[in-house]
């Protein structure tokens, strides 16, 4: 039986999850595959990196994943890592926004929303009026801000949605496409004939009806998906890199670290490329590009100019992650909650801060606390370009103003990403259409990663599953 050589270029979570999915699905189909994973850095994991330094557990990238989507929990189970999972503390359910010069808790219920001072009385009434919303003109690629303003008003868009966009994408809500960033919102709008509220009430009624019918038939459990829940933030007892280590151990393939790839071409039905330090080009029947879109563009420049052009048009926002540690007694704030985000209207120099030790236990030495602050983003890229000394002073000044922390941190660790988070700006869907069209002319070539259909860990593992399904179909033709 023919052995198909599969090259995965990129050893981040997308590449590793895709390699594992290919391996497991190929077994079930009795297909023989030979996996080779190429990574330009000397380590796997990409932005996922967990370091225990002076007793502090620092995450260079994502703090965790939400457990309300099936792909990542399934992957964790398949890797035998469930016993290492670490759910977030209950206190982390409290979220804060820095609005009108002070921290204000995000309402957790309708009564709390009505009594909250985050929005004016007029702003609250506008949200209540969302049920009268209409569908937009067909074919319009609205920005997140335009969509939110149309549904819940400009004030809520400026204070709430802008902050959410900052927290997820470090992006500008006025430039990002709602269709590409939050496709579920478009689905809800269609379901509710223009109203998100009508759609959500409809889903709740449908779920209750299904539960009732299941009870009548004796079914013990009903699941209609996770659309109505936000999920619980989850990590591992020694950080998110546990997932990377589990994948590395489970994948039965060859790993090539510190091997940047170039010279991509195709001939005699196989793809070929050069890997740094290799004596001859590597040939493969299937190639998966699981690298940032700008890196994929560089690799494909001489192979498919139109595809490379579309890849280059996906912008990235710079972001720095600044970890501070303090003795607990030097921080007077209660730190009861997840942390806070700051809408751009407040004109602050940081994007927000996670109160790490309140979210997960074991992330700081005893009687110490850890804070993780993000700076930069699409609306303040200059802040990400500051040197370490200026960065530390900036964060100290902001935390003093926002949280009243006057003490100097006793622990500091900074992670920098010049091209940190892909931005799904208006027109992103059209660019994906170009890429999909070009890929049809290159059978055996696949794209995955956070530049296309979602930037979170759950998106990466879901896309890994989708791409591996396509690869299984392609294997049948070899």
Protein backbone atom coordinates (compact mmCIF):
# COMPACT_ATOMS: atom_id res chain seq x y z
CA UNK A 1 0.00 0.00 0.00
CA UNK A 2 1.33 3.43 -0.97
CA UNK A 3 2.67 5.63 1.81
CA UNK A 4 1.62 9.27 1.44
CA UNK A 5 4.22 11.77 2.60
CA UNK A 6 2.60 14.67 4.45
CA UNK A 7 4.59 17.79 5.30
CA UNK A 8 3.25 20.18 7.93
CA UNK A 9 5.05 23.51 7.74
CA UNK A 10 4.55 25.22 11.10
CA UNK A 11 4.81 23.67 14.55
CA UNK A 12 2.32 25.81 16.43
CA UNK A 13 -0.98 24.56 17.81
CA UNK A 14 -2.58 24.58 14.32
CA UNK A 15 0.17 22.50 12.73
CA UNK A 16 0.43 20.04 15.61
CA UNK A 17 -3.33 19.56 15.96
CA UNK A 18 -3.62 19.03 12.20
CA UNK A 19 -0.78 16.48 12.20
CA UNK A 20 -2.40 14.55 15.05
CA UNK A 21 -5.82 14.62 13.37
CA UNK A 22 -4.33 13.33 10.10
CA UNK A 23 -2.55 10.54 11.95
CA UNK A 24 -5.64 9.37 13.83
CA UNK A 25 -8.06 9.62 10.90
CA UNK A 26 -5.63 7.88 8.55
CA UNK A 27 -5.52 4.94 10.97
CA UNK A 28 -9.29 4.60 10.88
CA UNK A 29 -9.26 4.66 7.07
CA UNK A 30 -6.32 2.23 6.92
CA UNK A 31 -4.27 4.82 5.05
CA UNK A 32 -0.51 4.93 5.44
CA UNK A 33 0.91 8.39 6.01
CA UNK A 34 4.39 9.58 6.84
CA UNK A 35 4.30 12.84 8.79
CA UNK A 36 7.02 15.47 8.79
CA UNK A 37 6.64 18.67 10.82
CA UNK A 38 8.89 21.64 10.00
CA UNK A 39 9.32 24.56 12.41
CA UNK A 40 11.64 27.53 11.90
CA UNK A 41 12.08 28.10 15.65
CA UNK A 42 14.02 25.76 17.94
CA UNK A 43 10.84 24.82 19.82
CA UNK A 44 7.26 23.80 19.11
CA UNK A 45 4.11 25.62 20.16
CA UNK A 46 4.31 28.98 18.41
CA UNK A 47 2.86 31.65 20.69
CA UNK A 48 1.88 29.00 23.24
CA UNK A 49 4.71 28.98 25.75
CA UNK A 50 4.46 28.35 29.49
CA UNK A 51 7.38 29.21 31.73
CA UNK A 52 7.78 28.78 35.48
CA UNK A 53 10.10 31.62 36.52
CA UNK A 54 10.84 32.49 40.16
CA UNK A 55 7.65 30.67 41.11
CA UNK A 56 5.46 32.55 38.60
CA UNK A 57 3.75 30.67 35.77
CA UNK A 58 3.97 32.94 32.74
CA UNK A 59 2.02 32.42 29.53
CA UNK A 60 3.47 34.11 26.45
CA UNK A 61 0.24 33.63 24.53
CA UNK A 62 -3.29 32.40 25.29
CA UNK A 63 -4.19 32.09 28.96
CA UNK A 64 -6.50 29.14 28.28
CA UNK A 65 -9.41 27.93 26.17
CA UNK A 66 -13.17 27.99 26.64
CA UNK A 67 -14.66 24.56 27.26
CA UNK A 68 -17.92 25.28 25.42
CA UNK A 69 -16.70 24.08 22.02
CA UNK A 70 -16.11 20.35 21.41
CA UNK A 71 -12.84 20.15 19.47
CA UNK A 72 -10.31 21.17 22.12
CA UNK A 73 -11.85 19.13 24.96
CA UNK A 74 -11.98 16.13 22.61
CA UNK A 75 -8.34 16.64 21.69
CA UNK A 76 -7.43 16.86 25.37
CA UNK A 77 -9.25 13.59 25.99
CA UNK A 78 -7.65 11.86 23.01
CA UNK A 79 -4.22 12.87 24.32
CA UNK A 80 -4.98 11.58 27.83
CA UNK A 81 -4.53 15.00 29.41
CA UNK A 82 -7.83 15.37 31.25
CA UNK A 83 -6.17 14.76 34.62
CA UNK A 84 -3.98 17.82 34.02
CA UNK A 85 -6.82 20.24 33.28
CA UNK A 86 -7.15 23.31 35.47
CA UNK A 87 -10.53 25.10 35.40
CA UNK A 88 -10.60 28.79 36.19
CA UNK A 89 -11.72 29.94 39.62
CA UNK A 90 -15.34 31.01 40.14
CA UNK A 91 -14.15 34.52 40.97
CA UNK A 92 -12.92 34.85 37.39
CA UNK A 93 -16.51 35.09 36.19
CA UNK A 94 -16.51 38.71 37.29
CA UNK A 95 -15.28 40.96 34.49
CA UNK A 96 -14.54 44.67 34.61
CA UNK A 97 -14.38 47.56 32.18
CA UNK A 98 -12.50 50.78 32.71
CA UNK A 99 -15.11 53.36 31.75
CA UNK A 100 -15.46 57.03 32.64
CA UNK A 101 -12.20 56.92 34.55
CA UNK A 102 -12.95 53.98 36.86
CA UNK A 103 -13.33 50.21 36.95
CA UNK A 104 -16.93 49.04 36.66
CA UNK A 105 -18.15 45.46 36.85
CA UNK A 106 -19.79 44.07 33.74
CA UNK A 107 -23.41 43.18 34.67
CA UNK A 108 -24.00 39.44 35.02
CA UNK A 109 -27.81 39.55 34.87
CA UNK A 110 -30.65 41.76 33.53
CA UNK A 111 -31.35 43.32 36.96
CA UNK A 112 -27.64 44.04 37.39
CA UNK A 113 -27.58 45.57 33.93
CA UNK A 114 -30.46 47.92 34.78
CA UNK A 115 -28.72 49.14 37.94
CA UNK A 116 -25.27 49.39 36.35
CA UNK A 117 -23.79 52.79 35.57
CA UNK A 118 -21.77 51.57 32.60
CA UNK A 119 -24.46 52.88 30.24
CA UNK A 120 -26.70 55.90 30.54
CA UNK A 121 -30.45 55.44 30.92
CA UNK A 122 -30.85 56.31 27.25
CA UNK A 123 -28.17 53.76 26.33
CA UNK A 124 -30.01 51.04 28.27
CA UNK A 125 -33.28 51.87 26.55
CA UNK A 126 -31.55 51.59 23.18
CA UNK A 127 -30.43 48.05 23.99
CA UNK A 128 -33.97 47.13 25.04
CA UNK A 129 -35.10 48.38 21.63
CA UNK A 130 -32.85 45.90 19.84
CA UNK A 131 -35.81 43.64 19.23
CA UNK A 132 -36.99 46.12 16.60
CA UNK A 133 -33.77 45.77 14.58
CA UNK A 134 -33.98 45.02 10.86
CA UNK A 135 -31.73 43.03 8.55
CA UNK A 136 -29.01 45.06 6.78
CA UNK A 137 -29.01 45.48 2.99
CA UNK A 138 -27.77 42.25 1.35
CA UNK A 139 -24.12 42.00 0.40
CA UNK A 140 -22.84 44.52 2.97
CA UNK A 141 -19.65 43.59 4.85
CA UNK A 142 -20.26 45.63 8.00
CA UNK A 143 -17.67 46.48 10.57
CA UNK A 144 -18.16 45.21 14.11
CA UNK A 145 -18.84 48.78 15.23
CA UNK A 146 -21.44 49.41 12.51
CA UNK A 147 -23.22 46.15 13.29
CA UNK A 148 -23.25 46.82 17.04
CA UNK A 149 -24.40 50.44 16.62
CA UNK A 150 -27.28 49.32 14.42
CA UNK A 151 -28.42 46.74 16.96
CA UNK A 152 -27.70 48.19 20.39
CA UNK A 153 -26.75 51.81 19.78
CA UNK A 154 -23.58 53.84 19.51
CA UNK A 155 -23.02 54.20 23.26
CA UNK A 156 -23.05 50.45 23.89
CA UNK A 157 -20.90 49.89 20.80
CA UNK A 158 -18.31 52.38 22.07
CA UNK A 159 -18.24 51.13 25.65
CA UNK A 160 -18.97 47.40 25.42
CA UNK A 161 -18.31 46.07 21.93
CA UNK A 162 -15.16 48.11 21.40
CA UNK A 163 -13.72 46.63 24.60
CA UNK A 164 -14.67 43.07 23.62
CA UNK A 165 -12.99 43.55 20.25
CA UNK A 166 -9.89 44.82 22.02
CA UNK A 167 -9.87 41.81 24.33
CA UNK A 168 -10.15 39.23 21.57
CA UNK A 169 -8.40 40.74 18.56
CA UNK A 170 -6.48 43.73 19.99
CA UNK A 171 -8.23 45.30 17.01
CA UNK A 172 -10.23 48.29 15.85
CA UNK A 173 -13.96 47.54 15.88
CA UNK A 174 -14.46 50.14 13.15
CA UNK A 175 -12.22 48.23 10.73
CA UNK A 176 -12.84 44.56 11.54
CA UNK A 177 -15.51 42.62 9.66
CA UNK A 178 -18.32 41.31 11.88
CA UNK A 179 -19.06 38.59 9.32
CA UNK A 180 -15.50 37.26 9.59
CA UNK A 181 -14.86 37.90 13.30
CA UNK A 182 -18.25 36.92 14.75
CA UNK A 183 -20.11 34.83 12.15
CA UNK A 184 -22.49 33.57 14.84
CA UNK A 185 -23.87 37.13 15.10
CA UNK A 186 -24.79 37.05 11.42
CA UNK A 187 -26.50 33.69 11.93
CA UNK A 188 -28.46 35.03 14.88
CA UNK A 189 -29.51 38.10 12.94
CA UNK A 190 -30.91 35.92 10.16
CA UNK A 191 -32.67 33.61 12.61
CA UNK A 192 -34.29 36.54 14.38
CA UNK A 193 -35.36 38.32 11.18
CA UNK A 194 -32.98 41.12 12.06
CA UNK A 195 -33.07 40.91 15.86
CA UNK A 196 -30.43 39.15 17.94
CA UNK A 197 -32.76 39.15 20.95
CA UNK A 198 -35.54 37.37 19.01
CA UNK A 199 -33.05 34.78 17.81
CA UNK A 200 -31.67 34.11 21.30
CA UNK A 201 -35.15 33.74 22.79
CA UNK A 202 -35.98 31.40 19.90
CA UNK A 203 -32.95 29.23 20.66
CA UNK A 204 -33.82 29.11 24.35
CA UNK A 205 -37.38 27.99 23.52
CA UNK A 206 -36.07 25.37 21.10
CA UNK A 207 -33.66 24.05 23.71
CA UNK A 208 -36.40 23.82 26.35
CA UNK A 209 -38.66 22.02 23.90
CA UNK A 210 -35.93 19.55 23.01
CA UNK A 211 -35.19 18.89 26.68
CA UNK A 212 -38.87 18.30 27.33
CA UNK A 213 -39.19 15.91 24.40
CA UNK A 214 -36.03 14.09 25.46
CA UNK A 215 -37.43 13.71 28.96
CA UNK A 216 -40.62 12.24 27.60
CA UNK A 217 -38.67 9.66 25.59
CA UNK A 218 -36.40 8.79 28.49
CA UNK A 219 -33.25 10.35 27.07
CA UNK A 220 -30.79 11.26 29.80
CA UNK A 221 -28.98 14.15 28.13
CA UNK A 222 -29.66 16.70 25.45
CA UNK A 223 -27.17 18.95 23.71
CA UNK A 224 -28.02 21.68 21.25
CA UNK A 225 -24.52 23.04 21.06
CA UNK A 226 -22.91 25.80 23.03
CA UNK A 227 -24.29 28.84 21.28
CA UNK A 228 -26.05 30.18 24.34
CA UNK A 229 -23.21 29.76 26.83
CA UNK A 230 -19.86 31.47 27.17
CA UNK A 231 -18.09 28.41 28.56
CA UNK A 232 -15.52 28.20 31.35
CA UNK A 233 -11.93 29.26 30.79
CA UNK A 234 -9.70 26.23 31.21
CA UNK A 235 -5.95 25.62 31.20
CA UNK A 236 -3.58 23.00 32.60
CA UNK A 237 -1.85 22.77 35.97
CA UNK A 238 1.47 23.68 34.36
CA UNK A 239 0.12 25.96 31.67
CA UNK A 240 -1.07 25.77 28.07
CA UNK A 241 2.19 24.32 26.81
CA UNK A 242 1.03 21.03 28.33
CA UNK A 243 -1.19 20.68 25.25
CA UNK A 244 1.81 21.20 22.97
CA UNK A 245 3.86 18.61 24.86
CA UNK A 246 0.98 16.13 24.68
CA UNK A 247 0.72 16.55 20.91
CA UNK A 248 4.47 16.22 20.45
CA UNK A 249 4.47 12.94 22.35
CA UNK A 250 1.43 11.54 20.51
CA UNK A 251 2.47 12.36 16.94
CA UNK A 252 4.42 9.54 15.32
CA UNK A 253 6.32 11.58 12.80
CA UNK A 254 9.59 13.38 12.20
CA UNK A 255 10.11 16.81 13.70
CA UNK A 256 12.51 19.25 12.08
CA UNK A 257 13.20 22.23 14.34
CA UNK A 258 15.13 25.37 13.37
CA UNK A 259 14.24 24.56 9.76
CA UNK A 260 12.88 27.56 7.89
CA UNK A 261 11.41 26.51 4.54
CA UNK A 262 11.74 28.21 1.13
CA UNK A 263 11.73 27.53 -2.60
CA UNK A 264 8.23 26.03 -2.79
CA UNK A 265 7.43 24.33 -6.11
CA UNK A 266 5.63 21.37 -7.67
CA UNK A 267 6.74 18.83 -10.20
CA UNK A 268 5.96 15.20 -11.11
CA UNK A 269 2.85 15.29 -8.92
CA UNK A 270 4.77 16.15 -5.74
CA UNK A 271 5.47 19.34 -3.86
CA UNK A 272 9.04 20.21 -3.00
CA UNK A 273 10.72 22.83 -0.83
CA UNK A 274 14.06 23.43 0.78
CA UNK A 275 14.53 23.31 4.53
CA UNK A 276 17.32 25.25 6.18
CA UNK A 277 20.46 23.13 6.46
CA UNK A 278 19.06 20.25 4.41
CA UNK A 279 21.23 18.80 1.64
CA UNK A 280 18.35 18.31 -0.80
CA UNK A 281 14.72 19.48 -1.19
CA UNK A 282 12.02 17.67 0.78
CA UNK A 283 9.28 16.12 -1.36
CA UNK A 284 5.71 15.46 -0.22
CA UNK A 285 2.39 14.32 -1.65
CA UNK A 286 0.53 16.67 0.69
CA UNK A 287 1.63 19.96 2.22
CA UNK A 288 -0.16 21.85 4.97
CA UNK A 289 0.90 25.44 5.55
CA UNK A 290 0.21 26.10 9.23
CA UNK A 291 2.24 29.29 9.45
CA UNK A 292 1.18 32.96 9.65
CA UNK A 293 -0.31 34.27 6.42
CA UNK A 294 2.60 36.65 5.80
CA UNK A 295 5.05 33.73 6.11
CA UNK A 296 2.90 31.63 3.77
CA UNK A 297 2.89 34.53 1.29
CA UNK A 298 6.68 34.67 1.32
CA UNK A 299 6.94 30.92 0.78
CA UNK A 300 4.44 30.91 -2.10
CA UNK A 301 5.56 34.15 -3.81
CA UNK A 302 7.17 32.47 -6.81
CA UNK A 303 4.73 29.56 -6.81
CA UNK A 304 1.39 31.40 -6.97
CA UNK A 305 1.59 35.20 -7.11
CA UNK A 306 -2.16 35.77 -6.78
CA UNK A 307 -2.39 33.53 -3.73
CA UNK A 308 0.61 35.25 -2.14
CA UNK A 309 -0.98 38.64 -2.76
CA UNK A 310 -4.19 37.65 -0.94
CA UNK A 311 -2.17 36.27 1.97
CA UNK A 312 -0.16 39.50 2.25
CA UNK A 313 -3.36 41.51 2.52
CA UNK A 314 -4.21 40.00 5.92
CA UNK A 315 -2.80 42.55 8.41
CA UNK A 316 -1.44 41.75 11.87
CA UNK A 317 -1.52 43.86 15.03
CA UNK A 318 1.57 44.08 17.25
CA UNK A 319 1.11 43.16 20.87
CA UNK A 320 3.28 42.83 23.96
CA UNK A 321 2.41 40.74 27.01
CA UNK A 322 3.78 42.20 30.24
CA UNK A 323 3.77 40.00 33.35
CA UNK A 324 4.16 41.72 36.74
CA UNK A 325 4.42 40.04 40.13
CA UNK A 326 3.92 41.64 43.55
CA UNK A 327 3.80 40.63 47.21
CA UNK A 328 0.06 40.42 48.00
CA UNK A 329 0.23 43.05 50.74
CA UNK A 330 1.57 45.66 48.31
CA UNK A 331 -1.58 45.48 46.15
CA UNK A 332 -4.58 47.01 47.91
CA UNK A 333 -7.08 46.09 45.17
CA UNK A 334 -9.23 43.06 45.97
CA UNK A 335 -8.46 41.41 42.59
CA UNK A 336 -11.81 39.63 42.75
CA UNK A 337 -12.43 38.85 39.11
CA UNK A 338 -10.85 38.04 35.78
CA UNK A 339 -9.44 41.50 35.15
CA UNK A 340 -10.44 44.44 32.99
CA UNK A 341 -10.57 45.72 29.43
CA UNK A 342 -10.45 49.30 28.26
CA UNK A 343 -12.51 50.68 25.35
CA UNK A 344 -10.52 52.94 23.04
CA UNK A 345 -12.66 55.98 23.97
CA UNK A 346 -10.85 56.10 27.33
CA UNK A 347 -7.53 56.90 25.60
CA UNK A 348 -5.41 54.75 27.93
CA UNK A 349 -2.01 53.29 27.00
CA UNK A 350 -2.80 49.64 27.78
CA UNK A 351 -5.47 47.34 26.37
CA UNK A 352 -6.34 45.59 29.61
CA UNK A 353 -5.01 43.42 32.42
CA UNK A 354 -5.72 39.86 33.54
CA UNK A 355 -5.54 39.23 37.30
CA UNK A 356 -3.78 35.94 36.71
CA UNK A 357 -3.73 34.62 40.26
CA UNK A 358 -7.46 35.24 40.59
CA UNK A 359 -8.14 33.24 37.43
CA UNK A 360 -5.95 30.19 38.07
CA UNK A 361 -4.40 28.90 41.26
CA UNK A 362 -0.70 28.08 41.43
CA UNK A 363 0.40 30.86 39.09
CA UNK A 364 2.43 32.81 41.67
CA UNK A 365 4.49 32.09 44.80
CA UNK A 366 2.59 31.94 48.07
CA UNK A 367 1.38 35.35 49.26
CA UNK A 368 2.16 36.90 45.87
CA UNK A 369 -0.05 37.96 42.97
CA UNK A 370 0.50 38.03 39.21
CA UNK A 371 -0.94 40.46 36.65
CA UNK A 372 -0.76 40.07 32.87
CA UNK A 373 -1.10 43.30 30.90
CA UNK A 374 -1.45 43.69 27.12
CA UNK A 375 -0.19 46.73 25.24
CA UNK A 376 -0.11 47.68 21.57
CA UNK A 377 -2.82 46.42 19.27
CA UNK A 378 -4.18 47.88 16.05
CA UNK A 379 -5.08 51.22 17.64
CA UNK A 380 -1.88 51.80 19.62
CA UNK A 381 0.96 50.05 17.76
CA UNK A 382 3.47 52.65 18.96
CA UNK A 383 3.22 51.30 22.52
CA UNK A 384 4.37 47.86 21.35
CA UNK A 385 7.53 49.43 19.87
CA UNK A 386 8.76 50.83 23.21
CA UNK A 387 11.91 49.35 24.74
CA UNK A 388 11.75 47.32 27.95
CA UNK A 389 12.42 50.27 30.27
CA UNK A 390 9.73 52.44 28.70
CA UNK A 391 7.32 49.50 28.57
CA UNK A 392 7.72 48.79 32.27
CA UNK A 393 7.24 52.45 33.18
CA UNK A 394 4.16 52.71 30.96
CA UNK A 395 2.50 49.67 32.57
CA UNK A 396 3.42 50.83 36.08
CA UNK A 397 1.88 54.25 35.40
CA UNK A 398 -1.31 52.77 33.99
CA UNK A 399 -1.80 50.26 36.82
CA UNK A 400 -1.21 53.03 39.33
CA UNK A 401 -3.89 55.15 37.67
CA UNK A 402 -6.42 52.37 37.11
CA UNK A 403 -5.89 50.04 40.08
CA UNK A 404 -4.10 52.23 42.59
CA UNK A 405 -0.94 50.08 42.63
CA UNK A 406 1.90 52.32 43.74
CA UNK A 407 4.41 49.58 44.59
CA UNK A 408 7.13 48.49 42.20
CA UNK A 409 6.71 44.98 40.76
CA UNK A 410 9.16 42.46 42.19
CA UNK A 411 8.85 40.25 39.10
CA UNK A 412 8.77 41.26 35.43
CA UNK A 413 8.61 39.20 32.24
CA UNK A 414 7.83 40.67 28.81
CA UNK A 415 6.88 38.82 25.62
CA UNK A 416 6.89 40.72 22.32
CA UNK A 417 5.05 40.02 19.06
CA UNK A 418 5.71 42.45 16.22
CA UNK A 419 3.06 40.64 14.21
CA UNK A 420 0.89 39.26 16.96
CA UNK A 421 -2.77 38.87 16.06
CA UNK A 422 -4.26 38.64 12.54
CA UNK A 423 -6.91 41.26 11.81
CA UNK A 424 -10.01 40.18 9.89
CA UNK A 425 -10.60 43.60 8.38
CA UNK A 426 -13.50 44.36 6.05
CA UNK A 427 -13.04 42.34 2.87
CA UNK A 428 -11.53 39.36 4.73
CA UNK A 429 -14.19 37.03 3.34
CA UNK A 430 -13.29 38.05 -0.22
CA UNK A 431 -9.63 37.30 0.42
CA UNK A 432 -10.57 33.87 1.75
CA UNK A 433 -12.57 33.33 -1.43
CA UNK A 434 -9.49 34.08 -3.53
CA UNK A 435 -7.42 31.65 -1.47
CA UNK A 436 -10.02 28.90 -1.74
CA UNK A 437 -10.23 29.36 -5.50
CA UNK A 438 -6.45 29.24 -5.91
CA UNK A 439 -6.17 26.14 -3.72
CA UNK A 440 -8.51 24.22 -6.02
CA UNK A 441 -5.79 24.51 -8.64
CA UNK A 442 -3.20 23.02 -6.29
CA UNK A 443 -4.55 19.64 -5.14
CA UNK A 444 -2.73 18.41 -2.08
CA UNK A 445 -1.94 21.91 -0.78
CA UNK A 446 -3.83 23.12 2.30
CA UNK A 447 -3.89 26.18 4.56
CA UNK A 448 -4.69 26.34 8.24
CA UNK A 449 -3.91 28.62 11.16
CA UNK A 450 -5.42 31.56 12.97
CA UNK A 451 -5.24 33.95 10.00
CA UNK A 452 -8.36 32.62 8.33
CA UNK A 453 -11.34 31.34 10.32
CA UNK A 454 -10.77 32.24 13.96
CA UNK A 455 -7.85 33.27 16.15
CA UNK A 456 -8.44 31.32 19.38
CA UNK A 457 -7.21 27.89 20.47
CA UNK A 458 -10.69 26.44 19.88
CA UNK A 459 -10.71 27.85 16.36
CA UNK A 460 -7.30 26.33 15.63
CA UNK A 461 -8.29 22.86 16.82
CA UNK A 462 -11.60 23.05 14.95
CA UNK A 463 -9.87 24.09 11.73
CA UNK A 464 -7.37 21.28 12.21
CA UNK A 465 -10.27 18.84 12.20
CA UNK A 466 -11.84 20.41 9.12
CA UNK A 467 -8.58 20.45 7.15
CA UNK A 468 -7.76 16.87 8.13
CA UNK A 469 -11.18 15.80 6.79
CA UNK A 470 -10.31 17.39 3.44
CA UNK A 471 -6.96 15.64 3.47
CA UNK A 472 -8.63 12.29 4.09
CA UNK A 473 -10.76 12.88 0.99
CA UNK A 474 -7.67 13.76 -1.00
CA UNK A 475 -5.84 10.63 0.21
CA UNK A 476 -8.53 8.55 -1.46
CA UNK A 477 -7.41 9.93 -4.84
CA UNK A 478 -3.76 8.93 -4.42
